[in-house]
Amino acid sequence: MDILLALETSCDETTAAVIAGGHRILSNVVLTQEVLHRRFGGVVPELAAREHIRGIVPVVEQALRDAAVTWSDLSAVAVANGPGLAPALVVGVNMAKGIALAHGLPLIAVNHLEGHIYANWLVKTRHPGADTAQPPELPAVCLVVSGGHTELVIMEDHLQYRLLGRTRDDAAGEAFDKVARLLGLGFPGGPLIERAAQRATPEQDQPPLTRPWLRGTYDFSFSGVKTAMLRHVEAAGGTAALTPAMVSAYAAAFQQTVVDVLVGKTCQAADQFRARCILLAGGVAANGALRDTLASAAAVPVQMPTIDLCTDNAAMIGAAGYRRWQAGHVADWDLEISPSAQLVSTP
């Protein structure tokens, strides 16, 4: 069975994985920088790159040890070359080039967003006969939601995508981060907003927020919701004046507004394009309210990665890289990073 080493350094996780057959996770090592960037309220690209340089070799070595494989067992090397932070992407791409050149392996370039989608094909077993997860049926509507991206895509076949809509301003995860700062919760905002919202009670007054439906399109817009939250916080006397109960109520109102729009448009697209399933992907896909609401509202099966495979990881790059490799997509040695890359179908 073909075994791929995969690398992912698009933001602030240094991660390497070993994937067998395009879907079995033999290892998936993630070194996070969350604590480093927390005091800045967001990821600092230059600091992220420095930490990637420090961590990439130990992470790769650990991934090989955990998978109990050697360099000679590998069939190819896959790496995310975009989209992402330019200084961070450079580290992963150069490491992958060096490994591929030194060991005579094919080099596979993977779009980071495509990796998130293919996390839905991964299974956590080292044994070929123990695969229990049913692979998604295509065509599928894919909702990719993260700190940098919010896109709705129809996946007609493997490596075949058509963009239906994307955010016109803030990505959903970016909006979560900004509202978390408004509420004095810190960074990263997604998990903190979710935990605060879980503490809200029915008797608490929640601020009224208009759902930004952008009727007639599959586009999203979350900047207005963020601004509305700012006005409510200012009316309450500012962040310092918010009580814990108010923070919980505000967090719940904001989260539900975002979730309603994401779920509503996704279910509408699945119906219009007769999708056989819905695929949820990206860091915001770890949000429990989004997962539960989408699963309840959809008229077709909803598949989503386990929580640890929603955030950036190399296993998803290995899954997508395997499909690219099987389609004959081998990168040249002059492979460059593509920080603003779009999701592109196979020619």
C-alpha atoms as a PDB file:
ATOM      1  CA  MET A   1       0.000   0.000   0.000  1.00  0.00           C
ATOM      2  CA  ASP A   2       1.240   3.479  -0.891  1.00  0.00           C
ATOM      3  CA  ILE A   3       2.480   5.524   2.067  1.00  0.00           C
ATOM      4  CA  LEU A   4       2.795   9.306   1.935  1.00  0.00           C
ATOM      5  CA  LEU A   5       4.562  11.728   4.234  1.00  0.00           C
ATOM      6  CA  ALA A   6       2.639  14.999   4.438  1.00  0.00           C
ATOM      7  CA  LEU A   7       3.625  18.424   5.776  1.00  0.00           C
ATOM      8  CA  GLU A   8       1.455  21.419   6.706  1.00  0.00           C
ATOM      9  CA  THR A   9       2.780  24.812   7.880  1.00  0.00           C
ATOM     10  CA  SER A  10       0.270  27.263   6.443  1.00  0.00           C
ATOM     11  CA  CYS A  11      -0.418  29.136   9.680  1.00  0.00           C
ATOM     12  CA  ASP A  12       0.650  28.424  13.266  1.00  0.00           C
ATOM     13  CA  GLU A  13       0.656  24.627  13.467  1.00  0.00           C
ATOM     14  CA  THR A  14       3.805  22.723  12.537  1.00  0.00           C
ATOM     15  CA  THR A  15       2.511  19.320  11.552  1.00  0.00           C
ATOM     16  CA  ALA A  16       3.594  16.149   9.774  1.00  0.00           C
ATOM     17  CA  ALA A  17       1.663  12.959   9.114  1.00  0.00           C
ATOM     18  CA  VAL A  18       2.088   9.556   7.540  1.00  0.00           C
ATOM     19  CA  ILE A  19      -0.934   8.352   5.538  1.00  0.00           C
ATOM     20  CA  ALA A  20      -1.485   4.919   3.985  1.00  0.00           C
ATOM     21  CA  GLY A  21      -3.720   4.377   0.969  1.00  0.00           C
ATOM     22  CA  GLY A  22      -4.892   7.973   1.018  1.00  0.00           C
ATOM     23  CA  HIS A  23      -7.111   7.572   4.072  1.00  0.00           C
ATOM     24  CA  ARG A  24      -5.529   5.598   6.939  1.00  0.00           C
ATOM     25  CA  ILE A  25      -3.705   7.718   9.512  1.00  0.00           C
ATOM     26  CA  LEU A  26      -0.502   6.006  10.631  1.00  0.00           C
ATOM     27  CA  SER A  27       0.642   9.144  12.472  1.00  0.00           C
ATOM     28  CA  ASN A  28      -0.370  12.776  12.739  1.00  0.00           C
ATOM     29  CA  VAL A  29       1.910  15.018  14.809  1.00  0.00           C
ATOM     30  CA  VAL A  30       0.836  18.601  15.512  1.00  0.00           C
ATOM     31  CA  LEU A  31       2.992  21.200  17.258  1.00  0.00           C
ATOM     32  CA  THR A  32       0.828  24.215  18.040  1.00  0.00           C
ATOM     33  CA  GLN A  33       1.948  27.807  18.636  1.00  0.00           C
ATOM     34  CA  GLU A  34      -1.298  28.962  20.239  1.00  0.00           C
ATOM     35  CA  VAL A  35       0.280  30.109  23.509  1.00  0.00           C
ATOM     36  CA  LEU A  36       2.948  32.132  21.682  1.00  0.00           C
ATOM     37  CA  HIS A  37       0.449  34.123  19.615  1.00  0.00           C
ATOM     38  CA  ARG A  38      -2.242  34.518  22.271  1.00  0.00           C
ATOM     39  CA  ARG A  39      -0.710  37.662  23.764  1.00  0.00           C
ATOM     40  CA  PHE A  40      -0.814  39.359  20.349  1.00  0.00           C
ATOM     41  CA  GLY A  41      -4.486  38.553  19.791  1.00  0.00           C
ATOM     42  CA  GLY A  42      -3.691  36.821  16.491  1.00  0.00           C
ATOM     43  CA  VAL A  43      -1.008  34.995  14.545  1.00  0.00           C
ATOM     44  CA  VAL A  44       2.169  36.973  13.795  1.00  0.00           C
ATOM     45  CA  PRO A  45       3.534  35.564  10.489  1.00  0.00           C
ATOM     46  CA  GLU A  46       7.231  36.138  11.209  1.00  0.00           C
ATOM     47  CA  LEU A  47       7.015  34.529  14.644  1.00  0.00           C
ATOM     48  CA  ALA A  48       5.086  31.615  13.172  1.00  0.00           C
ATOM     49  CA  ALA A  49       7.795  31.041  10.558  1.00  0.00           C
ATOM     50  CA  ARG A  50      10.519  31.092  13.215  1.00  0.00           C
ATOM     51  CA  GLU A  51       8.703  28.458  15.248  1.00  0.00           C
ATOM     52  CA  HIS A  52       8.117  26.330  12.151  1.00  0.00           C
ATOM     53  CA  ILE A  53      11.867  26.354  11.477  1.00  0.00           C
ATOM     54  CA  ARG A  54      12.526  25.202  15.029  1.00  0.00           C
ATOM     55  CA  GLY A  55       9.895  22.501  15.007  1.00  0.00           C
ATOM     56  CA  ILE A  56       9.719  21.038  11.521  1.00  0.00           C
ATOM     57  CA  VAL A  57      12.572  18.519  11.788  1.00  0.00           C
ATOM     58  CA  PRO A  58      11.521  17.082  15.191  1.00  0.00           C
ATOM     59  CA  VAL A  59       7.898  16.889  14.033  1.00  0.00           C
ATOM     60  CA  VAL A  60       8.815  14.959  10.876  1.00  0.00           C
ATOM     61  CA  GLU A  61      11.044  12.602  12.834  1.00  0.00           C
ATOM     62  CA  GLN A  62       8.266  12.000  15.370  1.00  0.00           C
ATOM     63  CA  ALA A  63       5.744  11.295  12.613  1.00  0.00           C
ATOM     64  CA  LEU A  64       7.999   8.619  11.133  1.00  0.00           C
ATOM     65  CA  ARG A  65       8.584   7.050  14.560  1.00  0.00           C
ATOM     66  CA  ASP A  66       4.898   7.042  15.436  1.00  0.00           C
ATOM     67  CA  ALA A  67       4.047   5.410  12.117  1.00  0.00           C
ATOM     68  CA  ALA A  68       6.890   2.870  12.491  1.00  0.00           C
ATOM     69  CA  VAL A  69       8.118   3.582   8.957  1.00  0.00           C
ATOM     70  CA  THR A  70      11.451   4.583   7.446  1.00  0.00           C
ATOM     71  CA  TRP A  71      12.333   6.803   4.501  1.00  0.00           C
ATOM     72  CA  SER A  72      12.485   3.742   2.234  1.00  0.00           C
ATOM     73  CA  ASP A  73       8.815   2.939   3.015  1.00  0.00           C
ATOM     74  CA  LEU A  74       7.571   6.245   1.595  1.00  0.00           C
ATOM     75  CA  SER A  75       6.048   6.576  -1.865  1.00  0.00           C
ATOM     76  CA  ALA A  76       5.754  10.386  -2.077  1.00  0.00           C
ATOM     77  CA  VAL A  77       5.861  13.640  -0.106  1.00  0.00           C
ATOM     78  CA  ALA A  78       2.847  15.972  -0.031  1.00  0.00           C
ATOM     79  CA  VAL A  79       2.911  19.557   1.205  1.00  0.00           C
ATOM     80  CA  ALA A  80       0.476  22.448   1.496  1.00  0.00           C
ATOM     81  CA  ASN A  81       1.799  25.297  -0.659  1.00  0.00           C
ATOM     82  CA  GLY A  82      -1.152  27.655  -0.156  1.00  0.00           C
ATOM     83  CA  PRO A  83      -3.257  29.474   0.736  1.00  0.00           C
ATOM     84  CA  GLY A  84      -1.746  30.663   3.993  1.00  0.00           C
ATOM     85  CA  LEU A  85       0.878  32.919   5.535  1.00  0.00           C
ATOM     86  CA  ALA A  86       3.807  33.330   3.150  1.00  0.00           C
ATOM     87  CA  PRO A  87       6.630  33.090   5.735  1.00  0.00           C
ATOM     88  CA  ALA A  88       5.045  29.982   7.226  1.00  0.00           C
ATOM     89  CA  LEU A  89       4.352  28.230   3.912  1.00  0.00           C
ATOM     90  CA  VAL A  90       7.989  28.641   2.840  1.00  0.00           C
ATOM     91  CA  VAL A  91       9.193  26.451   5.699  1.00  0.00           C
ATOM     92  CA  GLY A  92       6.976  23.498   4.841  1.00  0.00           C
ATOM     93  CA  VAL A  93       7.519  23.695   1.098  1.00  0.00           C
ATOM     94  CA  ASN A  94      11.306  23.887   1.409  1.00  0.00           C
ATOM     95  CA  MET A  95      11.348  21.003   3.881  1.00  0.00           C
ATOM     96  CA  ALA A  96       9.238  18.880   1.542  1.00  0.00           C
ATOM     97  CA  LYS A  97      11.485  19.706  -1.400  1.00  0.00           C
ATOM     98  CA  GLY A  98      14.563  18.719   0.567  1.00  0.00           C
ATOM     99  CA  ILE A  99      13.071  15.400   1.675  1.00  0.00           C
ATOM    100  CA  ALA A 100      11.782  14.555  -1.805  1.00  0.00           C
ATOM    101  CA  LEU A 101      15.114  15.396  -3.449  1.00  0.00           C
ATOM    102  CA  ALA A 102      17.215  13.568  -0.863  1.00  0.00           C
ATOM    103  CA  HIS A 103      15.148  10.371  -1.031  1.00  0.00           C
ATOM    104  CA  GLY A 104      14.129  10.389  -4.687  1.00  0.00           C
ATOM    105  CA  LEU A 105      10.412  10.806  -3.963  1.00  0.00           C
ATOM    106  CA  PRO A 106       7.680  12.541  -5.976  1.00  0.00           C
ATOM    107  CA  LEU A 107       6.691  15.966  -4.626  1.00  0.00           C
ATOM    108  CA  ILE A 108       2.953  16.665  -4.434  1.00  0.00           C
ATOM    109  CA  ALA A 109       1.556  20.188  -3.970  1.00  0.00           C
ATOM    110  CA  VAL A 110      -1.759  20.419  -2.127  1.00  0.00           C
ATOM    111  CA  ASN A 111      -4.193  23.295  -1.722  1.00  0.00           C
ATOM    112  CA  HIS A 112      -4.809  23.854   1.994  1.00  0.00           C
ATOM    113  CA  LEU A 113      -8.586  24.190   1.487  1.00  0.00           C
ATOM    114  CA  GLU A 114      -8.695  20.957  -0.491  1.00  0.00           C
ATOM    115  CA  GLY A 115      -6.919  19.325   2.424  1.00  0.00           C
ATOM    116  CA  HIS A 116      -9.679  20.430   4.805  1.00  0.00           C
ATOM    117  CA  ILE A 117     -12.292  18.860   2.525  1.00  0.00           C
ATOM    118  CA  TYR A 118     -10.379  15.582   2.302  1.00  0.00           C
ATOM    119  CA  ALA A 119     -10.208  15.317   6.077  1.00  0.00           C
ATOM    120  CA  ASN A 120     -13.656  13.758   5.614  1.00  0.00           C
ATOM    121  CA  TRP A 121     -12.041  10.705   4.002  1.00  0.00           C
ATOM    122  CA  LEU A 122      -9.642   9.962   6.852  1.00  0.00           C
ATOM    123  CA  VAL A 123     -10.001   7.035   9.236  1.00  0.00           C
ATOM    124  CA  LYS A 124      -8.009   6.524  12.417  1.00  0.00           C
ATOM    125  CA  THR A 125      -6.834   2.958  12.097  1.00  0.00           C
ATOM    126  CA  ARG A 126      -3.489   1.429  11.268  1.00  0.00           C
ATOM    127  CA  HIS A 127      -5.065  -1.818  10.059  1.00  0.00           C
ATOM    128  CA  PRO A 128      -6.286  -2.192   6.452  1.00  0.00           C
ATOM    129  CA  GLY A 129      -9.140  -4.516   7.411  1.00  0.00           C
ATOM    130  CA  ALA A 130     -10.509  -2.260  10.145  1.00  0.00           C
ATOM    131  CA  ASP A 131     -11.784   0.674   8.059  1.00  0.00           C
ATOM    132  CA  THR A 132     -15.279   1.337   9.362  1.00  0.00           C
ATOM    133  CA  ALA A 133     -16.042   4.845   8.124  1.00  0.00           C
ATOM    134  CA  GLN A 134     -18.179   5.132   4.985  1.00  0.00           C
ATOM    135  CA  PRO A 135     -16.522   7.436   2.439  1.00  0.00           C
ATOM    136  CA  PRO A 136     -18.624  10.437   1.407  1.00  0.00           C
ATOM    137  CA  GLU A 137     -20.891  10.090  -1.612  1.00  0.00           C
ATOM    138  CA  LEU A 138     -20.496  12.579  -4.439  1.00  0.00           C
ATOM    139  CA  PRO A 139     -21.637  15.068  -5.574  1.00  0.00           C
ATOM    140  CA  ALA A 140     -21.370  16.839  -2.230  1.00  0.00           C
ATOM    141  CA  VAL A 141     -21.826  20.395  -1.050  1.00  0.00           C
ATOM    142  CA  CYS A 142     -18.779  21.429   0.997  1.00  0.00           C
ATOM    143  CA  LEU A 143     -18.859  24.161   3.621  1.00  0.00           C
ATOM    144  CA  VAL A 144     -15.282  25.227   4.357  1.00  0.00           C
ATOM    145  CA  VAL A 145     -15.158  27.536   7.385  1.00  0.00           C
ATOM    146  CA  SER A 146     -11.979  28.675   9.099  1.00  0.00           C
ATOM    147  CA  GLY A 147     -10.169  31.729  10.399  1.00  0.00           C
ATOM    148  CA  GLY A 148      -9.184  32.819   6.905  1.00  0.00           C
ATOM    149  CA  HIS A 149     -11.854  31.294   4.667  1.00  0.00           C
ATOM    150  CA  THR A 150     -15.584  30.784   4.383  1.00  0.00           C
ATOM    151  CA  GLU A 151     -16.552  29.107   1.122  1.00  0.00           C
ATOM    152  CA  LEU A 152     -19.442  27.034  -0.163  1.00  0.00           C
ATOM    153  CA  VAL A 153     -18.393  24.607  -2.881  1.00  0.00           C
ATOM    154  CA  ILE A 154     -20.041  21.861  -4.915  1.00  0.00           C
ATOM    155  CA  MET A 155     -17.674  18.890  -5.238  1.00  0.00           C
ATOM    156  CA  GLU A 156     -18.931  17.017  -8.297  1.00  0.00           C
ATOM    157  CA  ASP A 157     -16.237  14.320  -8.246  1.00  0.00           C
ATOM    158  CA  HIS A 158     -12.807  13.839  -6.722  1.00  0.00           C
ATOM    159  CA  LEU A 159     -10.663  16.948  -7.327  1.00  0.00           C
ATOM    160  CA  GLN A 160     -13.573  18.627  -9.151  1.00  0.00           C
ATOM    161  CA  TYR A 161     -14.957  21.781  -7.513  1.00  0.00           C
ATOM    162  CA  ARG A 162     -17.274  24.629  -8.395  1.00  0.00           C
ATOM    163  CA  LEU A 163     -17.412  27.673  -6.153  1.00  0.00           C
ATOM    164  CA  LEU A 164     -20.941  28.621  -5.142  1.00  0.00           C
ATOM    165  CA  GLY A 165     -20.163  31.461  -2.761  1.00  0.00           C
ATOM    166  CA  ARG A 166     -17.627  32.901  -0.354  1.00  0.00           C
ATOM    167  CA  THR A 167     -17.397  35.597   2.270  1.00  0.00           C
ATOM    168  CA  ARG A 168     -17.380  39.149   0.983  1.00  0.00           C
ATOM    169  CA  ASP A 169     -15.511  40.429   4.025  1.00  0.00           C
ATOM    170  CA  ASP A 170     -14.633  38.631   7.275  1.00  0.00           C
ATOM    171  CA  ALA A 171     -14.292  34.861   7.348  1.00  0.00           C
ATOM    172  CA  ALA A 172     -16.441  33.202  10.017  1.00  0.00           C
ATOM    173  CA  GLY A 173     -13.434  32.319  12.158  1.00  0.00           C
ATOM    174  CA  GLU A 174     -12.048  35.829  11.834  1.00  0.00           C
ATOM    175  CA  ALA A 175     -15.375  37.220  13.027  1.00  0.00           C
ATOM    176  CA  PHE A 176     -15.307  34.864  16.015  1.00  0.00           C
ATOM    177  CA  ASP A 177     -11.828  36.134  16.925  1.00  0.00           C
ATOM    178  CA  LYS A 178     -12.833  39.791  16.662  1.00  0.00           C
ATOM    179  CA  VAL A 179     -16.027  39.391  18.673  1.00  0.00           C
ATOM    180  CA  ALA A 180     -14.152  37.410  21.324  1.00  0.00           C
ATOM    181  CA  ARG A 181     -11.838  40.403  21.756  1.00  0.00           C
ATOM    182  CA  LEU A 182     -14.853  42.716  22.039  1.00  0.00           C
ATOM    183  CA  LEU A 183     -16.215  40.526  24.822  1.00  0.00           C
ATOM    184  CA  GLY A 184     -12.849  40.351  26.607  1.00  0.00           C
ATOM    185  CA  LEU A 185     -12.509  36.611  26.058  1.00  0.00           C
ATOM    186  CA  GLY A 186      -9.094  36.456  24.374  1.00  0.00           C
ATOM    187  CA  PHE A 187      -7.640  34.405  21.517  1.00  0.00           C
ATOM    188  CA  PRO A 188      -8.398  32.135  19.715  1.00  0.00           C
ATOM    189  CA  GLY A 189     -11.990  33.289  19.670  1.00  0.00           C
ATOM    190  CA  GLY A 190     -13.872  30.246  18.372  1.00  0.00           C
ATOM    191  CA  PRO A 191     -13.553  27.914  21.375  1.00  0.00           C
ATOM    192  CA  LEU A 192     -13.925  30.811  23.831  1.00  0.00           C
ATOM    193  CA  ILE A 193     -17.133  32.086  22.210  1.00  0.00           C
ATOM    194  CA  GLU A 194     -18.525  28.551  22.186  1.00  0.00           C
ATOM    195  CA  ARG A 195     -17.765  27.970  25.873  1.00  0.00           C
ATOM    196  CA  ALA A 196     -19.234  31.339  26.839  1.00  0.00           C
ATOM    197  CA  ALA A 197     -22.372  30.651  24.788  1.00  0.00           C
ATOM    198  CA  GLN A 198     -22.869  27.329  26.558  1.00  0.00           C
ATOM    199  CA  ARG A 199     -23.200  29.229  29.836  1.00  0.00           C
ATOM    200  CA  ALA A 200     -26.079  31.368  28.526  1.00  0.00           C
ATOM    201  CA  THR A 201     -29.521  30.713  30.035  1.00  0.00           C
ATOM    202  CA  PRO A 202     -32.968  31.259  28.456  1.00  0.00           C
ATOM    203  CA  GLU A 203     -33.877  34.051  30.843  1.00  0.00           C
ATOM    204  CA  GLN A 204     -30.906  36.171  29.802  1.00  0.00           C
ATOM    205  CA  ASP A 205     -31.670  38.950  27.330  1.00  0.00           C
ATOM    206  CA  GLN A 206     -29.698  38.494  24.131  1.00  0.00           C
ATOM    207  CA  PRO A 207     -28.961  41.441  21.849  1.00  0.00           C
ATOM    208  CA  PRO A 208     -31.018  41.390  18.632  1.00  0.00           C
ATOM    209  CA  LEU A 209     -28.844  40.627  15.606  1.00  0.00           C
ATOM    210  CA  THR A 210     -29.969  40.677  11.988  1.00  0.00           C
ATOM    211  CA  ARG A 211     -29.033  37.614   9.923  1.00  0.00           C
ATOM    212  CA  PRO A 212     -26.992  38.708   6.871  1.00  0.00           C
ATOM    213  CA  TRP A 213     -28.652  36.441   4.302  1.00  0.00           C
ATOM    214  CA  LEU A 214     -27.514  38.241   1.120  1.00  0.00           C
ATOM    215  CA  ARG A 215     -30.605  36.894  -0.628  1.00  0.00           C
ATOM    216  CA  GLY A 216     -30.156  35.515  -4.118  1.00  0.00           C
ATOM    217  CA  THR A 217     -26.525  34.522  -3.594  1.00  0.00           C
ATOM    218  CA  TYR A 218     -24.509  31.904  -1.753  1.00  0.00           C
ATOM    219  CA  ASP A 219     -22.089  34.552  -0.518  1.00  0.00           C
ATOM    220  CA  PHE A 220     -21.559  35.353   3.150  1.00  0.00           C
ATOM    221  CA  SER A 221     -20.918  38.558   5.086  1.00  0.00           C
ATOM    222  CA  PHE A 222     -20.059  38.691   8.772  1.00  0.00           C
ATOM    223  CA  SER A 223     -18.601  42.186   9.066  1.00  0.00           C
ATOM    224  CA  GLY A 224     -22.013  43.691   9.808  1.00  0.00           C
ATOM    225  CA  VAL A 225     -22.699  41.212  12.614  1.00  0.00           C
ATOM    226  CA  LYS A 226     -19.339  42.079  14.145  1.00  0.00           C
ATOM    227  CA  THR A 227     -20.122  45.792  13.929  1.00  0.00           C
ATOM    228  CA  ALA A 228     -23.557  45.252  15.490  1.00  0.00           C
ATOM    229  CA  MET A 229     -21.885  43.452  18.403  1.00  0.00           C
ATOM    230  CA  LEU A 230     -19.515  46.401  18.798  1.00  0.00           C
ATOM    231  CA  ARG A 231     -22.469  48.786  19.064  1.00  0.00           C
ATOM    232  CA  HIS A 232     -24.152  46.602  21.703  1.00  0.00           C
ATOM    233  CA  VAL A 233     -20.935  46.434  23.744  1.00  0.00           C
ATOM    234  CA  GLU A 234     -20.486  50.209  23.485  1.00  0.00           C
ATOM    235  CA  ALA A 235     -24.092  50.752  24.578  1.00  0.00           C
ATOM    236  CA  ALA A 236     -23.441  48.591  27.626  1.00  0.00           C
ATOM    237  CA  GLY A 237     -20.500  50.790  28.635  1.00  0.00           C
ATOM    238  CA  GLY A 238     -17.651  48.964  26.914  1.00  0.00           C
ATOM    239  CA  THR A 239     -15.929  45.639  27.402  1.00  0.00           C
ATOM    240  CA  ALA A 240     -14.968  46.377  31.009  1.00  0.00           C
ATOM    241  CA  ALA A 241     -18.618  46.959  31.931  1.00  0.00           C
ATOM    242  CA  LEU A 242     -19.839  43.563  30.734  1.00  0.00           C
ATOM    243  CA  THR A 243     -20.901  41.118  33.414  1.00  0.00           C
ATOM    244  CA  PRO A 244     -20.250  37.371  32.945  1.00  0.00           C
ATOM    245  CA  ALA A 245     -23.955  36.889  32.245  1.00  0.00           C
ATOM    246  CA  MET A 246     -23.895  39.571  29.556  1.00  0.00           C
ATOM    247  CA  VAL A 247     -20.803  38.035  27.948  1.00  0.00           C
ATOM    248  CA  SER A 248     -22.549  34.665  27.780  1.00  0.00           C
ATOM    249  CA  ALA A 249     -25.709  36.158  26.310  1.00  0.00           C
ATOM    250  CA  TYR A 250     -23.810  38.197  23.725  1.00  0.00           C
ATOM    251  CA  ALA A 251     -21.661  35.205  22.764  1.00  0.00           C
ATOM    252  CA  ALA A 252     -24.731  33.005  22.330  1.00  0.00           C
ATOM    253  CA  ALA A 253     -26.495  35.587  20.164  1.00  0.00           C
ATOM    254  CA  PHE A 254     -23.470  36.070  17.921  1.00  0.00           C
ATOM    255  CA  GLN A 255     -22.745  32.346  17.570  1.00  0.00           C
ATOM    256  CA  GLN A 256     -26.342  31.495  16.704  1.00  0.00           C
ATOM    257  CA  THR A 257     -26.498  34.263  14.102  1.00  0.00           C
ATOM    258  CA  VAL A 258     -23.405  32.957  12.312  1.00  0.00           C
ATOM    259  CA  VAL A 259     -24.512  29.331  12.579  1.00  0.00           C
ATOM    260  CA  ASP A 260     -27.991  30.084  11.218  1.00  0.00           C
ATOM    261  CA  VAL A 261     -26.578  31.711   8.088  1.00  0.00           C
ATOM    262  CA  LEU A 262     -23.957  29.027   7.469  1.00  0.00           C
ATOM    263  CA  VAL A 263     -26.459  26.209   7.905  1.00  0.00           C
ATOM    264  CA  GLY A 264     -29.256  27.906   5.971  1.00  0.00           C
ATOM    265  CA  LYS A 265     -27.189  28.552   2.866  1.00  0.00           C
ATOM    266  CA  THR A 266     -25.539  25.124   2.974  1.00  0.00           C
ATOM    267  CA  CYS A 267     -28.846  23.262   3.186  1.00  0.00           C
ATOM    268  CA  GLN A 268     -30.311  25.425   0.417  1.00  0.00           C
ATOM    269  CA  ALA A 269     -27.341  24.627  -1.846  1.00  0.00           C
ATOM    270  CA  ALA A 270     -27.549  20.907  -1.092  1.00  0.00           C
ATOM    271  CA  ASP A 271     -31.209  20.940  -2.136  1.00  0.00           C
ATOM    272  CA  GLN A 272     -30.705  23.046  -5.257  1.00  0.00           C
ATOM    273  CA  PHE A 273     -27.768  21.010  -6.571  1.00  0.00           C
ATOM    274  CA  ARG A 274     -29.158  17.635  -5.459  1.00  0.00           C
ATOM    275  CA  ALA A 275     -26.116  16.792  -3.406  1.00  0.00           C
ATOM    276  CA  ARG A 276     -25.880  13.300  -1.996  1.00  0.00           C
ATOM    277  CA  CYS A 277     -24.247  14.590   1.164  1.00  0.00           C
ATOM    278  CA  ILE A 278     -22.849  17.667   2.878  1.00  0.00           C
ATOM    279  CA  LEU A 279     -19.203  17.883   3.911  1.00  0.00           C
ATOM    280  CA  LEU A 280     -18.202  20.207   6.749  1.00  0.00           C
ATOM    281  CA  ALA A 281     -14.553  21.272   6.876  1.00  0.00           C
ATOM    282  CA  GLY A 282     -12.150  23.780   8.430  1.00  0.00           C
ATOM    283  CA  GLY A 283     -11.315  24.978  11.913  1.00  0.00           C
ATOM    284  CA  VAL A 284     -14.793  26.410  12.605  1.00  0.00           C
ATOM    285  CA  ALA A 285     -16.183  22.951  11.808  1.00  0.00           C
ATOM    286  CA  ALA A 286     -15.113  22.072  15.363  1.00  0.00           C
ATOM    287  CA  ASN A 287     -17.876  24.333  16.712  1.00  0.00           C
ATOM    288  CA  GLY A 288     -20.445  22.155  18.434  1.00  0.00           C
ATOM    289  CA  ALA A 289     -23.419  24.415  17.672  1.00  0.00           C
ATOM    290  CA  LEU A 290     -22.565  24.393  13.969  1.00  0.00           C
ATOM    291  CA  ARG A 291     -22.096  20.613  13.900  1.00  0.00           C
ATOM    292  CA  ASP A 292     -25.348  19.892  15.748  1.00  0.00           C
ATOM    293  CA  THR A 293     -27.462  22.430  13.878  1.00  0.00           C
ATOM    294  CA  LEU A 294     -26.263  21.349  10.446  1.00  0.00           C
ATOM    295  CA  ALA A 295     -26.751  17.656  11.219  1.00  0.00           C
ATOM    296  CA  SER A 296     -30.309  18.352  12.400  1.00  0.00           C
ATOM    297  CA  ALA A 297     -31.317  20.690   9.586  1.00  0.00           C
ATOM    298  CA  ALA A 298     -29.892  18.886   6.548  1.00  0.00           C
ATOM    299  CA  ALA A 299     -32.088  16.648   4.415  1.00  0.00           C
ATOM    300  CA  VAL A 300     -29.046  14.627   3.278  1.00  0.00           C
ATOM    301  CA  PRO A 301     -26.297  12.938   5.320  1.00  0.00           C
ATOM    302  CA  VAL A 302     -23.735  15.294   6.854  1.00  0.00           C
ATOM    303  CA  GLN A 303     -20.147  14.168   7.236  1.00  0.00           C
ATOM    304  CA  MET A 304     -17.607  16.042   9.310  1.00  0.00           C
ATOM    305  CA  PRO A 305     -14.106  15.270  10.548  1.00  0.00           C
ATOM    306  CA  THR A 306     -13.432  14.472  14.179  1.00  0.00           C
ATOM    307  CA  ILE A 307     -12.642  17.609  16.173  1.00  0.00           C
ATOM    308  CA  ASP A 308      -8.857  17.141  16.039  1.00  0.00           C
ATOM    309  CA  LEU A 309      -8.967  16.858  12.234  1.00  0.00           C
ATOM    310  CA  CYS A 310     -10.934  20.114  11.776  1.00  0.00           C
ATOM    311  CA  THR A 311      -8.026  22.364  12.692  1.00  0.00           C
ATOM    312  CA  ASP A 312      -4.865  22.463  10.578  1.00  0.00           C
ATOM    313  CA  ASN A 313      -3.106  19.105  10.377  1.00  0.00           C
ATOM    314  CA  ALA A 314      -0.928  17.224   7.916  1.00  0.00           C
ATOM    315  CA  ALA A 315      -3.132  14.119   7.734  1.00  0.00           C
ATOM    316  CA  MET A 316      -5.658  16.014   5.639  1.00  0.00           C
ATOM    317  CA  ILE A 317      -2.845  17.144   3.311  1.00  0.00           C
ATOM    318  CA  GLY A 318      -1.824  13.513   2.925  1.00  0.00           C
ATOM    319  CA  ALA A 319      -5.382  12.478   2.022  1.00  0.00           C
ATOM    320  CA  ALA A 320      -5.702  15.170  -0.638  1.00  0.00           C
ATOM    321  CA  GLY A 321      -2.109  14.639  -1.768  1.00  0.00           C
ATOM    322  CA  TYR A 322      -2.788  10.981  -2.420  1.00  0.00           C
ATOM    323  CA  ARG A 323      -5.653  11.867  -4.768  1.00  0.00           C
ATOM    324  CA  ARG A 324      -3.483  14.442  -6.548  1.00  0.00           C
ATOM    325  CA  TRP A 325      -0.659  11.937  -6.891  1.00  0.00           C
ATOM    326  CA  GLN A 326      -2.980   9.264  -8.294  1.00  0.00           C
ATOM    327  CA  ALA A 327      -4.197  11.830 -10.828  1.00  0.00           C
ATOM    328  CA  GLY A 328      -0.601  12.383 -11.974  1.00  0.00           C
ATOM    329  CA  HIS A 329      -0.086  15.772 -10.358  1.00  0.00           C
ATOM    330  CA  VAL A 330       3.602  15.789  -9.474  1.00  0.00           C
ATOM    331  CA  ALA A 331       5.183  19.154  -8.738  1.00  0.00           C
ATOM    332  CA  ASP A 332       8.428  20.385 -10.230  1.00  0.00           C
ATOM    333  CA  TRP A 333      11.422  21.377  -8.119  1.00  0.00           C
ATOM    334  CA  ASP A 334      10.630  25.030  -8.728  1.00  0.00           C
ATOM    335  CA  LEU A 335       7.356  24.686  -6.790  1.00  0.00           C
ATOM    336  CA  GLU A 336       6.530  28.011  -5.182  1.00  0.00           C
ATOM    337  CA  ILE A 337       4.231  29.002  -2.368  1.00  0.00           C
ATOM    338  CA  SER A 338       0.835  30.464  -3.258  1.00  0.00           C
ATOM    339  CA  PRO A 339      -0.432  32.464  -0.260  1.00  0.00           C
ATOM    340  CA  SER A 340      -3.650  33.536  -2.025  1.00  0.00           C
ATOM    341  CA  ALA A 341      -4.379  30.277  -3.823  1.00  0.00           C
ATOM    342  CA  GLN A 342      -7.958  29.397  -4.743  1.00  0.00           C
ATOM    343  CA  LEU A 343      -9.489  25.946  -4.764  1.00  0.00           C
ATOM    344  CA  VAL A 344      -8.755  24.645  -8.265  1.00  0.00           C
ATOM    345  CA  SER A 345     -10.167  21.587 -10.036  1.00  0.00           C
ATOM    346  CA  THR A 346      -8.108  18.995 -11.847  1.00  0.00           C
ATOM    347  CA  PRO A 347      -7.684  20.044 -15.506  1.00  0.00           C
END
